[in-house]
Amino acid sequence: MLEWTERQEIEAPVGLVWRVVADVESWPEWTPTIVRIARLAGSGLEHGASFRIRQPSLPAATWRVVGVDPGRSFRWQSRTPGVLVEADHRLAPVGDRTEVELAIRFGGVLGRASGYMLRRLTRRLLRLEAQGLKSRCEWLWKSRGA
């Protein structure tokens, strides 16, 4: 498997960050990495839920949630012939802040080659998603009493 990771420290508590992350259908509001997202199955961020996602410079893909630790992490997968892509979203409390780790892995017969060809775009999208999450969560945290 080929893997890339992006880490971000967010000046907001883990509960708030999780609420933003778990509201997958609102991601286009805060990250330029998602153009459109539609729920296909499930009623929340739960094992087996699936979403049709359109990202810049990529064909639309179906992502299925394969693991959730509520309040802390989730993993979803997208499959195309010969390629398995897995993405993790992990949150860890650090006092009143949150450390976020986003990871994406390319596997399958054609996964390494596909991941290598998409490496620049993948790294850019990870970075943009982490920055967008930070901005949204810190804005929500700072404006909570305003």
N, C-alpha and C. Protein backbone atom coordinates (compact mmCIF):
# COMPACT_ATOMS: atom_id res chain seq x y z
N MET A 1 0.83 -1.20 0.00
CA MET A 1 0.00 0.00 0.00
C MET A 1 0.87 1.25 0.00
N LEU A 2 0.38 2.25 -0.64
CA LEU A 2 1.02 3.56 -0.69
C LEU A 2 0.18 4.49 0.19
N GLU A 3 0.81 5.22 1.10
CA GLU A 3 0.06 6.03 2.06
C GLU A 3 0.63 7.44 2.20
N TRP A 4 -0.28 8.41 2.36
CA TRP A 4 0.08 9.78 2.71
C TRP A 4 -0.75 10.21 3.90
N THR A 5 -0.13 11.06 4.73
CA THR A 5 -0.77 11.53 5.96
C THR A 5 -0.60 13.04 6.08
N GLU A 6 -1.62 13.67 6.62
CA GLU A 6 -1.58 15.11 6.92
C GLU A 6 -2.07 15.29 8.36
N ARG A 7 -1.32 16.06 9.13
CA ARG A 7 -1.70 16.33 10.52
C ARG A 7 -1.98 17.82 10.69
N GLN A 8 -2.92 18.12 11.60
CA GLN A 8 -3.30 19.50 11.85
C GLN A 8 -3.72 19.63 13.31
N GLU A 9 -3.25 20.68 13.96
CA GLU A 9 -3.70 20.97 15.31
C GLU A 9 -4.78 22.04 15.22
N ILE A 10 -5.90 21.79 15.90
CA ILE A 10 -7.04 22.68 15.83
C ILE A 10 -7.33 23.24 17.22
N GLU A 11 -7.49 24.54 17.30
CA GLU A 11 -7.79 25.23 18.56
C GLU A 11 -9.28 25.14 18.85
N ALA A 12 -9.75 23.92 19.10
CA ALA A 12 -11.15 23.64 19.44
C ALA A 12 -11.19 22.25 20.06
N PRO A 13 -12.16 22.01 20.95
CA PRO A 13 -12.24 20.70 21.60
C PRO A 13 -12.65 19.59 20.63
N VAL A 14 -12.28 18.38 20.97
CA VAL A 14 -12.50 17.23 20.10
C VAL A 14 -13.98 17.01 19.81
N GLY A 15 -14.87 17.30 20.75
CA GLY A 15 -16.30 17.12 20.51
C GLY A 15 -16.81 17.99 19.38
N LEU A 16 -16.38 19.23 19.36
CA LEU A 16 -16.79 20.14 18.28
C LEU A 16 -16.21 19.69 16.95
N VAL A 17 -14.94 19.32 16.95
CA VAL A 17 -14.30 18.86 15.71
C VAL A 17 -15.01 17.62 15.18
N TRP A 18 -15.37 16.70 16.07
CA TRP A 18 -16.07 15.49 15.64
C TRP A 18 -17.42 15.85 15.01
N ARG A 19 -18.16 16.77 15.60
CA ARG A 19 -19.46 17.16 15.03
C ARG A 19 -19.28 17.67 13.60
N VAL A 20 -18.24 18.44 13.35
CA VAL A 20 -17.99 18.95 12.00
C VAL A 20 -17.61 17.80 11.06
N VAL A 21 -16.72 16.93 11.50
CA VAL A 21 -16.28 15.80 10.67
C VAL A 21 -17.43 14.84 10.39
N ALA A 22 -18.24 14.56 11.41
CA ALA A 22 -19.31 13.58 11.27
C ALA A 22 -20.46 14.07 10.39
N ASP A 23 -20.57 15.37 10.19
CA ASP A 23 -21.60 15.93 9.32
C ASP A 23 -21.07 15.94 7.88
N VAL A 24 -20.86 14.77 7.35
CA VAL A 24 -20.21 14.58 6.05
C VAL A 24 -20.90 15.36 4.94
N GLU A 25 -22.20 15.42 4.98
CA GLU A 25 -22.93 16.09 3.90
C GLU A 25 -22.71 17.60 3.87
N SER A 26 -22.16 18.16 4.94
CA SER A 26 -21.86 19.60 4.98
C SER A 26 -20.42 19.92 4.57
N TRP A 27 -19.63 18.92 4.27
CA TRP A 27 -18.23 19.17 3.92
C TRP A 27 -18.03 20.17 2.78
N PRO A 28 -18.88 20.18 1.75
CA PRO A 28 -18.65 21.16 0.68
C PRO A 28 -18.69 22.61 1.18
N GLU A 29 -19.27 22.85 2.34
CA GLU A 29 -19.33 24.21 2.91
C GLU A 29 -17.97 24.67 3.42
N TRP A 30 -17.10 23.73 3.82
CA TRP A 30 -15.85 24.15 4.46
C TRP A 30 -14.58 23.60 3.81
N THR A 31 -14.71 22.70 2.87
CA THR A 31 -13.50 22.20 2.21
C THR A 31 -13.64 22.24 0.69
N PRO A 32 -12.65 22.82 0.02
CA PRO A 32 -12.69 22.83 -1.45
C PRO A 32 -12.39 21.46 -2.06
N THR A 33 -12.13 20.46 -1.21
CA THR A 33 -11.80 19.13 -1.72
C THR A 33 -13.05 18.32 -2.07
N ILE A 34 -14.21 18.84 -1.71
CA ILE A 34 -15.46 18.16 -2.03
C ILE A 34 -16.35 19.12 -2.80
N VAL A 35 -16.66 18.77 -4.04
CA VAL A 35 -17.53 19.60 -4.86
C VAL A 35 -18.99 19.28 -4.53
N ARG A 36 -19.29 17.99 -4.40
CA ARG A 36 -20.65 17.54 -4.15
C ARG A 36 -20.60 16.21 -3.39
N ILE A 37 -21.57 16.03 -2.49
CA ILE A 37 -21.67 14.76 -1.78
C ILE A 37 -23.14 14.42 -1.58
N ALA A 38 -23.47 13.16 -1.80
CA ALA A 38 -24.85 12.70 -1.64
C ALA A 38 -24.84 11.38 -0.88
N ARG A 39 -25.69 11.30 0.11
CA ARG A 39 -25.82 10.05 0.88
C ARG A 39 -26.53 9.01 0.01
N LEU A 40 -25.99 7.81 -0.01
CA LEU A 40 -26.60 6.70 -0.74
C LEU A 40 -27.26 5.71 0.20
N ALA A 41 -26.66 5.50 1.38
CA ALA A 41 -27.18 4.53 2.34
C ALA A 41 -26.77 4.95 3.75
N GLY A 42 -27.60 4.58 4.72
CA GLY A 42 -27.32 4.90 6.12
C GLY A 42 -28.00 6.18 6.54
N SER A 43 -28.00 6.40 7.86
CA SER A 43 -28.68 7.58 8.39
C SER A 43 -27.73 8.51 9.14
N GLY A 44 -26.48 8.19 9.15
CA GLY A 44 -25.48 9.02 9.82
C GLY A 44 -24.11 8.51 9.46
N LEU A 45 -23.12 8.93 10.21
CA LEU A 45 -21.77 8.42 9.99
C LEU A 45 -21.68 7.11 10.76
N GLU A 46 -22.05 6.03 10.09
CA GLU A 46 -22.14 4.71 10.71
C GLU A 46 -21.57 3.66 9.77
N HIS A 47 -21.18 2.54 10.35
CA HIS A 47 -20.65 1.44 9.55
C HIS A 47 -21.68 1.07 8.48
N GLY A 48 -21.24 1.00 7.23
CA GLY A 48 -22.11 0.63 6.12
C GLY A 48 -22.71 1.81 5.38
N ALA A 49 -22.67 3.00 5.97
CA ALA A 49 -23.19 4.17 5.27
C ALA A 49 -22.34 4.39 4.01
N SER A 50 -22.96 4.90 2.97
CA SER A 50 -22.20 5.17 1.75
C SER A 50 -22.61 6.52 1.16
N PHE A 51 -21.65 7.10 0.46
CA PHE A 51 -21.82 8.44 -0.09
C PHE A 51 -21.24 8.49 -1.50
N ARG A 52 -21.87 9.24 -2.36
CA ARG A 52 -21.34 9.50 -3.70
C ARG A 52 -20.66 10.86 -3.63
N ILE A 53 -19.36 10.90 -3.91
CA ILE A 53 -18.57 12.12 -3.73
C ILE A 53 -17.93 12.53 -5.04
N ARG A 54 -18.04 13.82 -5.31
CA ARG A 54 -17.38 14.42 -6.47
C ARG A 54 -16.30 15.36 -5.95
N GLN A 55 -15.06 15.11 -6.36
CA GLN A 55 -13.91 15.91 -5.95
C GLN A 55 -13.29 16.57 -7.18
N PRO A 56 -12.61 17.71 -6.97
CA PRO A 56 -11.97 18.38 -8.10
C PRO A 56 -10.95 17.47 -8.79
N SER A 57 -10.95 17.47 -10.10
CA SER A 57 -9.99 16.73 -10.92
C SER A 57 -10.07 15.21 -10.81
N LEU A 58 -11.14 14.70 -10.20
CA LEU A 58 -11.31 13.25 -10.05
C LEU A 58 -12.72 12.85 -10.48
N PRO A 59 -12.87 11.63 -10.98
CA PRO A 59 -14.24 11.18 -11.30
C PRO A 59 -15.02 10.97 -10.01
N ALA A 60 -16.34 11.05 -10.08
CA ALA A 60 -17.18 10.78 -8.91
C ALA A 60 -16.90 9.37 -8.42
N ALA A 61 -16.97 9.19 -7.11
CA ALA A 61 -16.68 7.89 -6.51
C ALA A 61 -17.64 7.61 -5.36
N THR A 62 -17.91 6.35 -5.13
CA THR A 62 -18.71 5.94 -3.99
C THR A 62 -17.78 5.54 -2.86
N TRP A 63 -18.01 6.14 -1.67
CA TRP A 63 -17.22 5.85 -0.48
C TRP A 63 -18.14 5.19 0.54
N ARG A 64 -17.67 4.07 1.10
CA ARG A 64 -18.45 3.30 2.08
C ARG A 64 -17.71 3.31 3.41
N VAL A 65 -18.42 3.65 4.48
CA VAL A 65 -17.84 3.68 5.82
C VAL A 65 -17.63 2.23 6.28
N VAL A 66 -16.38 1.92 6.66
CA VAL A 66 -16.05 0.56 7.09
C VAL A 66 -15.63 0.49 8.55
N GLY A 67 -15.55 1.63 9.21
CA GLY A 67 -15.22 1.62 10.63
C GLY A 67 -15.47 2.99 11.25
N VAL A 68 -16.05 2.98 12.45
CA VAL A 68 -16.31 4.22 13.17
C VAL A 68 -16.04 4.00 14.65
N ASP A 69 -15.29 4.91 15.25
CA ASP A 69 -15.14 5.01 16.70
C ASP A 69 -15.71 6.38 17.03
N PRO A 70 -17.01 6.45 17.37
CA PRO A 70 -17.69 7.74 17.52
C PRO A 70 -16.91 8.71 18.41
N GLY A 71 -16.77 9.92 17.91
CA GLY A 71 -16.05 10.96 18.63
C GLY A 71 -14.55 10.93 18.43
N ARG A 72 -14.04 9.89 17.75
CA ARG A 72 -12.58 9.75 17.61
C ARG A 72 -12.09 9.50 16.19
N SER A 73 -12.78 8.63 15.44
CA SER A 73 -12.26 8.31 14.11
C SER A 73 -13.31 7.63 13.24
N PHE A 74 -13.04 7.69 11.94
CA PHE A 74 -13.79 6.85 11.01
C PHE A 74 -12.91 6.55 9.81
N ARG A 75 -13.24 5.45 9.15
CA ARG A 75 -12.53 5.01 7.95
C ARG A 75 -13.57 4.69 6.89
N TRP A 76 -13.26 5.12 5.67
CA TRP A 76 -14.11 4.74 4.55
C TRP A 76 -13.26 4.31 3.39
N GLN A 77 -13.89 3.58 2.45
CA GLN A 77 -13.18 3.00 1.32
C GLN A 77 -13.93 3.32 0.02
N SER A 78 -13.15 3.39 -1.03
CA SER A 78 -13.69 3.50 -2.38
C SER A 78 -12.96 2.47 -3.25
N ARG A 79 -13.72 1.78 -4.07
CA ARG A 79 -13.13 0.74 -4.92
C ARG A 79 -13.44 1.01 -6.39
N THR A 80 -12.43 0.78 -7.20
CA THR A 80 -12.59 0.74 -8.66
C THR A 80 -11.84 -0.51 -9.10
N PRO A 81 -12.03 -0.98 -10.30
CA PRO A 81 -11.33 -2.20 -10.70
C PRO A 81 -9.81 -2.10 -10.47
N GLY A 82 -9.30 -2.98 -9.62
CA GLY A 82 -7.87 -3.05 -9.35
C GLY A 82 -7.35 -2.07 -8.32
N VAL A 83 -8.22 -1.18 -7.82
CA VAL A 83 -7.76 -0.15 -6.87
C VAL A 83 -8.69 -0.08 -5.66
N LEU A 84 -8.08 -0.10 -4.49
CA LEU A 84 -8.79 0.13 -3.23
C LEU A 84 -8.17 1.37 -2.60
N VAL A 85 -9.01 2.37 -2.32
CA VAL A 85 -8.54 3.58 -1.65
C VAL A 85 -9.23 3.63 -0.29
N GLU A 86 -8.43 3.77 0.77
CA GLU A 86 -8.94 3.90 2.14
C GLU A 86 -8.53 5.25 2.69
N ALA A 87 -9.45 5.90 3.39
CA ALA A 87 -9.14 7.17 4.02
C ALA A 87 -9.55 7.12 5.48
N ASP A 88 -8.65 7.58 6.34
CA ASP A 88 -8.90 7.65 7.78
C ASP A 88 -8.97 9.10 8.22
N HIS A 89 -9.85 9.35 9.17
CA HIS A 89 -9.97 10.65 9.84
C HIS A 89 -9.87 10.34 11.33
N ARG A 90 -8.77 10.74 11.96
CA ARG A 90 -8.54 10.44 13.37
C ARG A 90 -8.42 11.73 14.17
N LEU A 91 -9.09 11.76 15.33
CA LEU A 91 -9.05 12.92 16.22
C LEU A 91 -8.50 12.49 17.57
N ALA A 92 -7.66 13.34 18.17
CA ALA A 92 -7.12 13.07 19.50
C ALA A 92 -7.17 14.36 20.32
N PRO A 93 -7.78 14.30 21.51
CA PRO A 93 -7.80 15.50 22.35
C PRO A 93 -6.42 15.79 22.91
N VAL A 94 -6.07 17.07 22.92
CA VAL A 94 -4.82 17.53 23.52
C VAL A 94 -5.21 18.76 24.34
N GLY A 95 -5.59 18.52 25.59
CA GLY A 95 -6.12 19.60 26.40
C GLY A 95 -7.43 20.07 25.80
N ASP A 96 -7.54 21.38 25.54
CA ASP A 96 -8.76 21.91 24.93
C ASP A 96 -8.62 22.05 23.42
N ARG A 97 -7.58 21.44 22.86
CA ARG A 97 -7.34 21.44 21.42
C ARG A 97 -7.54 20.02 20.88
N THR A 98 -7.45 19.92 19.56
CA THR A 98 -7.61 18.61 18.91
C THR A 98 -6.51 18.42 17.87
N GLU A 99 -5.90 17.27 17.90
CA GLU A 99 -4.98 16.90 16.82
C GLU A 99 -5.74 16.02 15.84
N VAL A 100 -5.65 16.39 14.59
CA VAL A 100 -6.34 15.66 13.53
C VAL A 100 -5.30 15.01 12.65
N GLU A 101 -5.54 13.77 12.29
CA GLU A 101 -4.68 13.08 11.34
C GLU A 101 -5.56 12.54 10.23
N LEU A 102 -5.27 12.96 9.02
CA LEU A 102 -5.94 12.46 7.83
C LEU A 102 -4.95 11.58 7.09
N ALA A 103 -5.39 10.39 6.72
CA ALA A 103 -4.50 9.47 6.01
C ALA A 103 -5.26 8.86 4.84
N ILE A 104 -4.54 8.63 3.76
CA ILE A 104 -5.13 7.98 2.59
C ILE A 104 -4.15 6.93 2.08
N ARG A 105 -4.70 5.76 1.77
CA ARG A 105 -3.90 4.63 1.31
C ARG A 105 -4.45 4.10 -0.01
N PHE A 106 -3.54 3.76 -0.90
CA PHE A 106 -3.90 3.16 -2.18
C PHE A 106 -3.41 1.72 -2.17
N GLY A 107 -4.32 0.78 -2.40
CA GLY A 107 -3.97 -0.63 -2.44
C GLY A 107 -4.63 -1.30 -3.63
N GLY A 108 -4.46 -2.60 -3.72
CA GLY A 108 -5.01 -3.35 -4.84
C GLY A 108 -3.95 -3.53 -5.92
N VAL A 109 -4.28 -4.32 -6.90
CA VAL A 109 -3.35 -4.67 -7.97
C VAL A 109 -2.80 -3.41 -8.66
N LEU A 110 -3.66 -2.43 -8.89
CA LEU A 110 -3.25 -1.20 -9.57
C LEU A 110 -3.12 -0.02 -8.61
N GLY A 111 -3.28 -0.28 -7.33
CA GLY A 111 -3.32 0.79 -6.33
C GLY A 111 -2.04 1.60 -6.22
N ARG A 112 -0.91 0.93 -6.13
CA ARG A 112 0.35 1.66 -5.99
C ARG A 112 0.60 2.57 -7.19
N ALA A 113 0.39 2.04 -8.38
CA ALA A 113 0.61 2.84 -9.59
C ALA A 113 -0.36 4.01 -9.64
N SER A 114 -1.63 3.75 -9.32
CA SER A 114 -2.63 4.81 -9.33
C SER A 114 -2.30 5.87 -8.28
N GLY A 115 -1.95 5.43 -7.08
CA GLY A 115 -1.59 6.36 -6.01
C GLY A 115 -0.37 7.19 -6.36
N TYR A 116 0.59 6.56 -6.99
CA TYR A 116 1.80 7.29 -7.38
C TYR A 116 1.47 8.36 -8.43
N MET A 117 0.64 8.01 -9.39
CA MET A 117 0.26 8.97 -10.43
C MET A 117 -0.54 10.14 -9.85
N LEU A 118 -1.29 9.88 -8.79
CA LEU A 118 -2.14 10.92 -8.19
C LEU A 118 -1.51 11.56 -6.95
N ARG A 119 -0.22 11.31 -6.71
CA ARG A 119 0.41 11.73 -5.46
C ARG A 119 0.33 13.24 -5.21
N ARG A 120 0.59 14.05 -6.19
CA ARG A 120 0.57 15.51 -5.99
C ARG A 120 -0.85 15.99 -5.67
N LEU A 121 -1.81 15.53 -6.44
CA LEU A 121 -3.20 15.90 -6.19
C LEU A 121 -3.66 15.39 -4.82
N THR A 122 -3.31 14.16 -4.50
CA THR A 122 -3.71 13.58 -3.22
C THR A 122 -3.15 14.38 -2.05
N ARG A 123 -1.88 14.70 -2.10
CA ARG A 123 -1.26 15.48 -1.01
C ARG A 123 -1.91 16.86 -0.89
N ARG A 124 -2.18 17.48 -2.04
CA ARG A 124 -2.82 18.80 -2.04
C ARG A 124 -4.22 18.73 -1.43
N LEU A 125 -5.00 17.72 -1.82
CA LEU A 125 -6.34 17.57 -1.28
C LEU A 125 -6.32 17.30 0.22
N LEU A 126 -5.40 16.47 0.68
CA LEU A 126 -5.27 16.23 2.13
C LEU A 126 -4.97 17.52 2.87
N ARG A 127 -4.04 18.28 2.36
CA ARG A 127 -3.65 19.55 3.00
C ARG A 127 -4.82 20.53 3.03
N LEU A 128 -5.53 20.66 1.90
CA LEU A 128 -6.67 21.56 1.84
C LEU A 128 -7.80 21.13 2.77
N GLU A 129 -8.04 19.83 2.86
CA GLU A 129 -9.09 19.34 3.76
C GLU A 129 -8.73 19.64 5.21
N ALA A 130 -7.49 19.40 5.59
CA ALA A 130 -7.04 19.67 6.96
C ALA A 130 -7.15 21.16 7.28
N GLN A 131 -6.75 22.01 6.34
CA GLN A 131 -6.82 23.46 6.55
C GLN A 131 -8.27 23.93 6.65
N GLY A 132 -9.13 23.39 5.80
CA GLY A 132 -10.55 23.76 5.84
C GLY A 132 -11.20 23.35 7.13
N LEU A 133 -10.87 22.15 7.61
CA LEU A 133 -11.41 21.66 8.88
C LEU A 133 -10.95 22.55 10.02
N LYS A 134 -9.69 22.91 10.02
CA LYS A 134 -9.15 23.80 11.05
C LYS A 134 -9.89 25.13 11.05
N SER A 135 -10.03 25.73 9.89
CA SER A 135 -10.69 27.03 9.78
C SER A 135 -12.14 26.96 10.26
N ARG A 136 -12.88 25.95 9.82
CA ARG A 136 -14.29 25.83 10.21
C ARG A 136 -14.43 25.63 11.71
N CYS A 137 -13.65 24.72 12.26
CA CYS A 137 -13.77 24.41 13.69
C CYS A 137 -13.34 25.58 14.57
N GLU A 138 -12.25 26.24 14.21
CA GLU A 138 -11.79 27.37 15.02
C GLU A 138 -12.76 28.53 14.92
N TRP A 139 -13.36 28.75 13.76
CA TRP A 139 -14.36 29.80 13.62
C TRP A 139 -15.58 29.49 14.50
N LEU A 140 -16.05 28.23 14.45
CA LEU A 140 -17.20 27.84 15.28
C LEU A 140 -16.88 28.00 16.77
N TRP A 141 -15.68 27.59 17.17
CA TRP A 141 -15.28 27.65 18.57
C TRP A 141 -15.20 29.10 19.05
N LYS A 142 -14.60 29.95 18.26
CA LYS A 142 -14.43 31.36 18.64
C LYS A 142 -15.75 32.12 18.62
N SER A 143 -16.67 31.72 17.76
CA SER A 143 -17.93 32.47 17.65
C SER A 143 -19.06 31.86 18.50
N ARG A 144 -18.74 30.87 19.32
CA ARG A 144 -19.78 30.16 20.08
C ARG A 144 -20.59 31.05 21.00
N GLY A 145 -20.01 32.12 21.54
CA GLY A 145 -20.75 32.98 22.44
C GLY A 145 -21.12 34.30 21.81
N ALA A 146 -20.75 34.46 20.56
CA ALA A 146 -20.97 35.77 19.92
C ALA A 146 -22.39 35.94 19.45
